Amino acid sequence: MASAAGDSSDSGVSDSQFEILEIAETGRNWLEKALDGDLSKKSVPVQIAIGGSTGWIAGYLFQKVGKVAATAVGGGLIVVLLGYHTGHLKINWTKFETDVSKTKQKMQDQVVQNSSYIRKFSDQIKQLARKNLVISGGFGAGFLLGMAV
């Protein structure tokens, strides 16, 4: 017979795991809840300041992470090409082409499989931005300024 949800003696599952799941459920749409709550009732300058400051931070971090990622990928490609041209690396181009085509097909299948989720997420972002136009405008401007720094 199965034990009750609170009784964890037979199932080996502790009550703290259920609490973590409850916290995850309540925090699922935290951004939407925050923007629909007190934040959207603040004055326009406060909304612009909040949107602009969060946008600036996001843009600055995006720029820094992007530079590191581009450096890592570019550096890796340079090392591989240098090794190939000096004869230290041998590349089986036919296997490489088949692997690339298999990966391309898998990615296309994943996009088709997740297209409804991607479309739904995109629609949610658009709706959220339309409902909070002042904050979204401040975020966009702050993001561009953060990228420029």
N, C-alpha and C. Protein backbone atom coordinates (compact mmCIF):
# COMPACT_ATOMS: atom_id res chain seq x y z
N MET A 1 0.85 -1.18 0.00
CA MET A 1 0.00 0.00 0.00
C MET A 1 0.88 1.23 0.00
N ALA A 2 0.56 2.21 -0.78
CA ALA A 2 1.37 3.43 -0.87
C ALA A 2 1.16 4.29 0.37
N SER A 3 2.21 4.96 0.78
CA SER A 3 2.12 5.79 1.98
C SER A 3 1.55 7.16 1.62
N ALA A 4 1.14 7.90 2.63
CA ALA A 4 0.60 9.24 2.44
C ALA A 4 1.70 10.17 1.97
N ALA A 5 1.31 11.31 1.37
CA ALA A 5 2.28 12.25 0.81
C ALA A 5 3.25 12.77 1.86
N GLY A 6 2.78 12.99 3.08
CA GLY A 6 3.66 13.52 4.11
C GLY A 6 4.53 12.46 4.76
N ASP A 7 4.16 11.16 4.63
CA ASP A 7 4.91 10.08 5.26
C ASP A 7 6.00 9.63 4.30
N SER A 8 7.24 9.80 4.70
CA SER A 8 8.36 9.49 3.81
C SER A 8 9.14 8.28 4.28
N SER A 9 8.59 7.51 5.24
CA SER A 9 9.35 6.40 5.79
C SER A 9 9.48 5.25 4.80
N ASP A 10 8.44 4.96 4.01
CA ASP A 10 8.47 3.82 3.11
C ASP A 10 9.06 4.19 1.75
N SER A 11 8.85 5.40 1.27
CA SER A 11 9.25 5.76 -0.09
C SER A 11 10.68 6.25 -0.19
N GLY A 12 11.30 6.65 0.89
CA GLY A 12 12.67 7.14 0.85
C GLY A 12 12.78 8.58 0.35
N VAL A 13 11.65 9.29 0.26
CA VAL A 13 11.62 10.67 -0.21
C VAL A 13 11.37 11.57 0.99
N SER A 14 12.19 12.58 1.15
CA SER A 14 12.02 13.46 2.30
C SER A 14 11.02 14.57 2.00
N ASP A 15 10.47 15.16 3.06
CA ASP A 15 9.52 16.25 2.92
C ASP A 15 10.17 17.49 2.34
N SER A 16 11.48 17.67 2.55
CA SER A 16 12.15 18.87 2.04
C SER A 16 12.15 18.91 0.53
N GLN A 17 12.14 17.76 -0.14
CA GLN A 17 12.09 17.75 -1.61
C GLN A 17 10.76 18.30 -2.10
N PHE A 18 9.67 18.02 -1.38
CA PHE A 18 8.38 18.54 -1.76
C PHE A 18 8.33 20.05 -1.58
N GLU A 19 8.99 20.55 -0.54
CA GLU A 19 9.04 21.99 -0.32
C GLU A 19 9.78 22.68 -1.44
N ILE A 20 10.87 22.09 -1.92
CA ILE A 20 11.62 22.68 -3.02
C ILE A 20 10.75 22.76 -4.26
N LEU A 21 9.97 21.72 -4.54
CA LEU A 21 9.08 21.75 -5.69
C LEU A 21 8.03 22.85 -5.56
N GLU A 22 7.52 23.04 -4.34
CA GLU A 22 6.53 24.09 -4.13
C GLU A 22 7.14 25.46 -4.38
N ILE A 23 8.36 25.66 -3.96
CA ILE A 23 9.04 26.94 -4.19
C ILE A 23 9.25 27.16 -5.69
N ALA A 24 9.62 26.11 -6.40
CA ALA A 24 9.82 26.22 -7.85
C ALA A 24 8.51 26.59 -8.55
N GLU A 25 7.41 26.01 -8.09
CA GLU A 25 6.12 26.31 -8.70
C GLU A 25 5.71 27.76 -8.45
N THR A 26 5.94 28.26 -7.24
CA THR A 26 5.53 29.63 -6.95
C THR A 26 6.41 30.65 -7.66
N GLY A 27 7.65 30.29 -7.96
CA GLY A 27 8.55 31.23 -8.62
C GLY A 27 8.57 31.11 -10.13
N ARG A 28 7.68 30.32 -10.68
CA ARG A 28 7.70 30.06 -12.12
C ARG A 28 7.54 31.34 -12.96
N ASN A 29 6.59 32.16 -12.63
CA ASN A 29 6.34 33.37 -13.41
C ASN A 29 6.64 34.61 -12.58
N TRP A 30 7.79 34.63 -11.94
CA TRP A 30 8.12 35.72 -11.03
C TRP A 30 8.22 37.05 -11.74
N LEU A 31 8.74 37.08 -12.95
CA LEU A 31 8.88 38.34 -13.67
C LEU A 31 7.50 38.91 -14.00
N GLU A 32 6.63 38.07 -14.48
CA GLU A 32 5.29 38.54 -14.82
C GLU A 32 4.55 39.01 -13.58
N LYS A 33 4.70 38.29 -12.47
CA LYS A 33 4.05 38.69 -11.23
C LYS A 33 4.61 40.03 -10.74
N ALA A 34 5.92 40.21 -10.86
CA ALA A 34 6.53 41.45 -10.40
C ALA A 34 6.08 42.63 -11.25
N LEU A 35 6.01 42.43 -12.56
CA LEU A 35 5.62 43.52 -13.43
C LEU A 35 4.13 43.83 -13.36
N ASP A 36 3.32 42.83 -13.07
CA ASP A 36 1.88 43.06 -12.94
C ASP A 36 1.52 43.63 -11.57
N GLY A 37 2.42 43.53 -10.62
CA GLY A 37 2.13 43.96 -9.26
C GLY A 37 2.44 45.42 -9.03
N ASP A 38 3.20 45.70 -7.99
CA ASP A 38 3.48 47.06 -7.56
C ASP A 38 4.34 47.83 -8.55
N LEU A 39 5.19 47.15 -9.28
CA LEU A 39 6.12 47.84 -10.17
C LEU A 39 5.40 48.61 -11.28
N SER A 40 4.34 48.04 -11.83
CA SER A 40 3.62 48.72 -12.91
C SER A 40 2.79 49.89 -12.40
N LYS A 41 2.63 49.99 -11.08
CA LYS A 41 1.87 51.10 -10.50
C LYS A 41 2.76 52.25 -10.07
N LYS A 42 4.07 52.09 -10.21
CA LYS A 42 5.00 53.16 -9.85
C LYS A 42 4.94 54.27 -10.89
N SER A 43 5.57 55.40 -10.58
CA SER A 43 5.58 56.51 -11.52
C SER A 43 6.44 56.17 -12.74
N VAL A 44 6.23 56.91 -13.81
CA VAL A 44 6.94 56.65 -15.07
C VAL A 44 8.45 56.79 -14.90
N PRO A 45 8.97 57.82 -14.22
CA PRO A 45 10.43 57.91 -14.05
C PRO A 45 11.01 56.71 -13.29
N VAL A 46 10.28 56.21 -12.29
CA VAL A 46 10.76 55.05 -11.54
C VAL A 46 10.79 53.82 -12.44
N GLN A 47 9.76 53.65 -13.25
CA GLN A 47 9.72 52.52 -14.18
C GLN A 47 10.86 52.60 -15.19
N ILE A 48 11.12 53.78 -15.71
CA ILE A 48 12.22 53.95 -16.67
C ILE A 48 13.55 53.67 -15.99
N ALA A 49 13.71 54.14 -14.76
CA ALA A 49 14.97 53.92 -14.03
C ALA A 49 15.19 52.43 -13.76
N ILE A 50 14.15 51.74 -13.35
CA ILE A 50 14.28 50.31 -13.08
C ILE A 50 14.56 49.54 -14.37
N GLY A 51 13.81 49.84 -15.41
CA GLY A 51 14.03 49.18 -16.69
C GLY A 51 15.40 49.49 -17.26
N GLY A 52 15.80 50.76 -17.18
CA GLY A 52 17.10 51.16 -17.71
C GLY A 52 18.26 50.55 -16.95
N SER A 53 18.16 50.51 -15.63
CA SER A 53 19.28 49.95 -14.85
C SER A 53 19.40 48.44 -15.05
N THR A 54 18.28 47.74 -15.07
CA THR A 54 18.35 46.29 -15.33
C THR A 54 18.81 46.02 -16.76
N GLY A 55 18.39 46.85 -17.70
CA GLY A 55 18.84 46.69 -19.08
C GLY A 55 20.32 46.96 -19.23
N TRP A 56 20.82 47.98 -18.52
CA TRP A 56 22.25 48.29 -18.59
C TRP A 56 23.07 47.14 -18.04
N ILE A 57 22.64 46.58 -16.90
CA ILE A 57 23.36 45.44 -16.31
C ILE A 57 23.33 44.25 -17.26
N ALA A 58 22.16 43.96 -17.83
CA ALA A 58 22.04 42.82 -18.76
C ALA A 58 22.91 43.06 -20.00
N GLY A 59 22.91 44.26 -20.55
CA GLY A 59 23.72 44.56 -21.72
C GLY A 59 25.20 44.47 -21.44
N TYR A 60 25.61 44.97 -20.29
CA TYR A 60 27.03 44.91 -19.91
C TYR A 60 27.49 43.47 -19.76
N LEU A 61 26.69 42.66 -19.05
CA LEU A 61 27.04 41.25 -18.88
C LEU A 61 27.02 40.49 -20.21
N PHE A 62 26.04 40.81 -21.06
CA PHE A 62 25.95 40.18 -22.37
C PHE A 62 27.19 40.49 -23.20
N GLN A 63 27.65 41.73 -23.13
CA GLN A 63 28.84 42.13 -23.87
C GLN A 63 30.07 41.39 -23.36
N LYS A 64 30.25 41.32 -22.05
CA LYS A 64 31.43 40.67 -21.48
C LYS A 64 31.43 39.17 -21.76
N VAL A 65 30.29 38.52 -21.56
CA VAL A 65 30.20 37.08 -21.82
C VAL A 65 30.37 36.80 -23.31
N GLY A 66 29.83 37.66 -24.15
CA GLY A 66 29.99 37.50 -25.59
C GLY A 66 31.44 37.60 -26.04
N LYS A 67 32.16 38.54 -25.45
CA LYS A 67 33.58 38.67 -25.79
C LYS A 67 34.37 37.43 -25.38
N VAL A 68 34.09 36.92 -24.19
CA VAL A 68 34.79 35.72 -23.72
C VAL A 68 34.46 34.52 -24.61
N ALA A 69 33.18 34.37 -24.96
CA ALA A 69 32.77 33.24 -25.81
C ALA A 69 33.39 33.36 -27.20
N ALA A 70 33.39 34.55 -27.78
CA ALA A 70 33.98 34.74 -29.10
C ALA A 70 35.48 34.48 -29.07
N THR A 71 36.14 34.91 -28.01
CA THR A 71 37.58 34.66 -27.88
C THR A 71 37.86 33.17 -27.76
N ALA A 72 37.07 32.47 -26.98
CA ALA A 72 37.27 31.03 -26.80
C ALA A 72 37.03 30.27 -28.10
N VAL A 73 35.95 30.58 -28.79
CA VAL A 73 35.64 29.88 -30.04
C VAL A 73 36.67 30.23 -31.11
N GLY A 74 36.97 31.50 -31.25
CA GLY A 74 37.97 31.92 -32.25
C GLY A 74 39.34 31.36 -31.96
N GLY A 75 39.74 31.38 -30.70
CA GLY A 75 41.04 30.82 -30.33
C GLY A 75 41.11 29.32 -30.59
N GLY A 76 40.02 28.62 -30.30
CA GLY A 76 39.97 27.19 -30.58
C GLY A 76 40.08 26.89 -32.06
N LEU A 77 39.39 27.67 -32.87
CA LEU A 77 39.48 27.47 -34.33
C LEU A 77 40.89 27.75 -34.85
N ILE A 78 41.52 28.77 -34.33
CA ILE A 78 42.88 29.10 -34.75
C ILE A 78 43.84 27.98 -34.39
N VAL A 79 43.69 27.44 -33.18
CA VAL A 79 44.57 26.34 -32.76
C VAL A 79 44.37 25.11 -33.65
N VAL A 80 43.11 24.79 -33.95
CA VAL A 80 42.84 23.63 -34.81
C VAL A 80 43.39 23.85 -36.20
N LEU A 81 43.17 25.03 -36.78
CA LEU A 81 43.70 25.30 -38.12
C LEU A 81 45.21 25.31 -38.15
N LEU A 82 45.83 25.85 -37.13
CA LEU A 82 47.29 25.86 -37.04
C LEU A 82 47.82 24.43 -36.96
N GLY A 83 47.19 23.60 -36.15
CA GLY A 83 47.60 22.20 -36.05
C GLY A 83 47.40 21.45 -37.34
N TYR A 84 46.33 21.76 -38.07
CA TYR A 84 46.07 21.10 -39.34
C TYR A 84 47.11 21.50 -40.39
N HIS A 85 47.41 22.79 -40.47
CA HIS A 85 48.36 23.28 -41.48
C HIS A 85 49.80 22.87 -41.18
N THR A 86 50.13 22.66 -39.92
CA THR A 86 51.49 22.22 -39.60
C THR A 86 51.63 20.71 -39.67
N GLY A 87 50.53 19.99 -39.87
CA GLY A 87 50.58 18.55 -40.00
C GLY A 87 50.41 17.79 -38.71
N HIS A 88 50.16 18.46 -37.62
CA HIS A 88 49.96 17.79 -36.34
C HIS A 88 48.57 17.16 -36.23
N LEU A 89 47.61 17.69 -36.98
CA LEU A 89 46.25 17.16 -36.96
C LEU A 89 45.88 16.68 -38.35
N LYS A 90 45.24 15.54 -38.42
CA LYS A 90 44.70 15.00 -39.66
C LYS A 90 43.19 14.99 -39.53
N ILE A 91 42.50 15.56 -40.49
CA ILE A 91 41.04 15.66 -40.44
C ILE A 91 40.45 14.77 -41.53
N ASN A 92 39.58 13.87 -41.13
CA ASN A 92 38.85 13.03 -42.07
C ASN A 92 37.64 13.83 -42.54
N TRP A 93 37.76 14.49 -43.69
CA TRP A 93 36.75 15.43 -44.15
C TRP A 93 35.44 14.74 -44.50
N THR A 94 35.47 13.52 -45.00
CA THR A 94 34.21 12.84 -45.32
C THR A 94 33.42 12.53 -44.05
N LYS A 95 34.11 12.06 -43.00
CA LYS A 95 33.44 11.81 -41.73
C LYS A 95 32.95 13.12 -41.13
N PHE A 96 33.75 14.17 -41.26
CA PHE A 96 33.37 15.48 -40.75
C PHE A 96 32.08 15.95 -41.43
N GLU A 97 32.00 15.81 -42.76
CA GLU A 97 30.81 16.26 -43.49
C GLU A 97 29.58 15.45 -43.11
N THR A 98 29.73 14.12 -42.93
CA THR A 98 28.58 13.32 -42.52
C THR A 98 28.14 13.67 -41.10
N ASP A 99 29.10 13.93 -40.21
CA ASP A 99 28.75 14.34 -38.85
C ASP A 99 28.03 15.69 -38.84
N VAL A 100 28.49 16.61 -39.68
CA VAL A 100 27.84 17.92 -39.75
C VAL A 100 26.42 17.78 -40.29
N SER A 101 26.23 16.95 -41.30
CA SER A 101 24.88 16.79 -41.85
C SER A 101 23.96 16.09 -40.85
N LYS A 102 24.47 15.12 -40.08
CA LYS A 102 23.65 14.48 -39.05
C LYS A 102 23.26 15.48 -37.96
N THR A 103 24.23 16.30 -37.56
CA THR A 103 23.96 17.30 -36.53
C THR A 103 22.95 18.33 -37.03
N LYS A 104 23.10 18.72 -38.28
CA LYS A 104 22.16 19.68 -38.88
C LYS A 104 20.75 19.11 -38.87
N GLN A 105 20.60 17.84 -39.23
CA GLN A 105 19.29 17.19 -39.25
C GLN A 105 18.70 17.10 -37.85
N LYS A 106 19.54 16.76 -36.85
CA LYS A 106 19.06 16.69 -35.47
C LYS A 106 18.59 18.05 -34.98
N MET A 107 19.34 19.09 -35.34
CA MET A 107 18.95 20.44 -34.92
C MET A 107 17.64 20.86 -35.57
N GLN A 108 17.47 20.54 -36.86
CA GLN A 108 16.22 20.87 -37.53
C GLN A 108 15.05 20.12 -36.90
N ASP A 109 15.26 18.85 -36.55
CA ASP A 109 14.21 18.09 -35.88
C ASP A 109 13.85 18.69 -34.54
N GLN A 110 14.87 19.13 -33.78
CA GLN A 110 14.62 19.75 -32.48
C GLN A 110 13.84 21.06 -32.62
N VAL A 111 14.17 21.84 -33.63
CA VAL A 111 13.47 23.10 -33.86
C VAL A 111 12.01 22.83 -34.19
N VAL A 112 11.76 21.85 -35.06
CA VAL A 112 10.39 21.50 -35.41
C VAL A 112 9.65 20.97 -34.19
N GLN A 113 10.32 20.15 -33.39
CA GLN A 113 9.71 19.57 -32.21
C GLN A 113 9.38 20.65 -31.17
N ASN A 114 10.25 21.65 -31.02
CA ASN A 114 10.07 22.68 -30.00
C ASN A 114 9.46 23.96 -30.55
N SER A 115 8.99 23.96 -31.78
CA SER A 115 8.50 25.20 -32.38
C SER A 115 7.29 25.76 -31.64
N SER A 116 6.41 24.90 -31.15
CA SER A 116 5.25 25.41 -30.42
C SER A 116 5.67 26.06 -29.11
N TYR A 117 6.64 25.46 -28.43
CA TYR A 117 7.15 26.06 -27.19
C TYR A 117 7.83 27.39 -27.48
N ILE A 118 8.64 27.44 -28.52
CA ILE A 118 9.34 28.67 -28.89
C ILE A 118 8.34 29.76 -29.25
N ARG A 119 7.32 29.41 -30.02
CA ARG A 119 6.29 30.38 -30.41
C ARG A 119 5.54 30.88 -29.18
N LYS A 120 5.19 29.97 -28.27
CA LYS A 120 4.47 30.35 -27.06
C LYS A 120 5.31 31.27 -26.19
N PHE A 121 6.60 30.94 -26.02
CA PHE A 121 7.49 31.77 -25.22
C PHE A 121 7.65 33.15 -25.86
N SER A 122 7.79 33.19 -27.18
CA SER A 122 7.91 34.46 -27.89
C SER A 122 6.66 35.31 -27.72
N ASP A 123 5.49 34.68 -27.80
CA ASP A 123 4.24 35.42 -27.60
C ASP A 123 4.12 35.96 -26.18
N GLN A 124 4.57 35.18 -25.20
CA GLN A 124 4.53 35.64 -23.81
C GLN A 124 5.44 36.85 -23.61
N ILE A 125 6.63 36.82 -24.22
CA ILE A 125 7.56 37.95 -24.10
C ILE A 125 6.96 39.19 -24.75
N LYS A 126 6.36 39.03 -25.93
CA LYS A 126 5.73 40.18 -26.61
C LYS A 126 4.60 40.76 -25.78
N GLN A 127 3.76 39.88 -25.22
CA GLN A 127 2.65 40.35 -24.40
C GLN A 127 3.15 41.07 -23.15
N LEU A 128 4.17 40.53 -22.52
CA LEU A 128 4.74 41.15 -21.33
C LEU A 128 5.33 42.52 -21.66
N ALA A 129 6.00 42.62 -22.80
CA ALA A 129 6.59 43.90 -23.20
C ALA A 129 5.51 44.93 -23.53
N ARG A 130 4.42 44.49 -24.15
CA ARG A 130 3.34 45.42 -24.48
C ARG A 130 2.62 45.92 -23.24
N LYS A 131 2.43 45.02 -22.26
CA LYS A 131 1.75 45.43 -21.04
C LYS A 131 2.59 46.38 -20.21
N ASN A 132 3.90 46.29 -20.32
CA ASN A 132 4.82 47.11 -19.52
C ASN A 132 5.73 47.88 -20.46
N LEU A 133 5.13 48.72 -21.28
CA LEU A 133 5.85 49.41 -22.34
C LEU A 133 6.93 50.34 -21.80
N VAL A 134 6.68 51.03 -20.71
CA VAL A 134 7.65 51.97 -20.17
C VAL A 134 8.88 51.23 -19.64
N ILE A 135 8.65 50.17 -18.89
CA ILE A 135 9.77 49.39 -18.36
C ILE A 135 10.53 48.73 -19.51
N SER A 136 9.82 48.21 -20.50
CA SER A 136 10.46 47.56 -21.64
C SER A 136 11.30 48.55 -22.44
N GLY A 137 10.79 49.75 -22.64
CA GLY A 137 11.56 50.78 -23.35
C GLY A 137 12.82 51.16 -22.58
N GLY A 138 12.69 51.31 -21.26
CA GLY A 138 13.86 51.60 -20.44
C GLY A 138 14.87 50.47 -20.47
N PHE A 139 14.37 49.23 -20.46
CA PHE A 139 15.26 48.08 -20.53
C PHE A 139 16.01 48.05 -21.87
N GLY A 140 15.30 48.28 -22.96
CA GLY A 140 15.94 48.28 -24.29
C GLY A 140 17.01 49.35 -24.40
N ALA A 141 16.70 50.56 -23.93
CA ALA A 141 17.68 51.64 -23.98
C ALA A 141 18.87 51.32 -23.08
N GLY A 142 18.60 50.82 -21.89
CA GLY A 142 19.69 50.46 -20.97
C GLY A 142 20.53 49.32 -21.51
N PHE A 143 19.91 48.37 -22.17
CA PHE A 143 20.65 47.26 -22.77
C PHE A 143 21.62 47.77 -23.82
N LEU A 144 21.15 48.66 -24.68
CA LEU A 144 22.03 49.21 -25.71
C LEU A 144 23.17 50.02 -25.10
N LEU A 145 22.87 50.77 -24.05
CA LEU A 145 23.94 51.52 -23.37
C LEU A 145 24.93 50.59 -22.70
N GLY A 146 24.44 49.51 -22.11
CA GLY A 146 25.33 48.52 -21.49
C GLY A 146 26.22 47.83 -22.52
N MET A 147 25.69 47.61 -23.69
CA MET A 147 26.50 47.00 -24.76
C MET A 147 27.57 47.98 -25.27
N ALA A 148 27.29 49.26 -25.19
CA ALA A 148 28.21 50.27 -25.71
C ALA A 148 29.38 50.53 -24.76
N VAL A 149 29.23 50.21 -23.50
CA VAL A 149 30.28 50.51 -22.51
C VAL A 149 31.50 49.65 -22.73
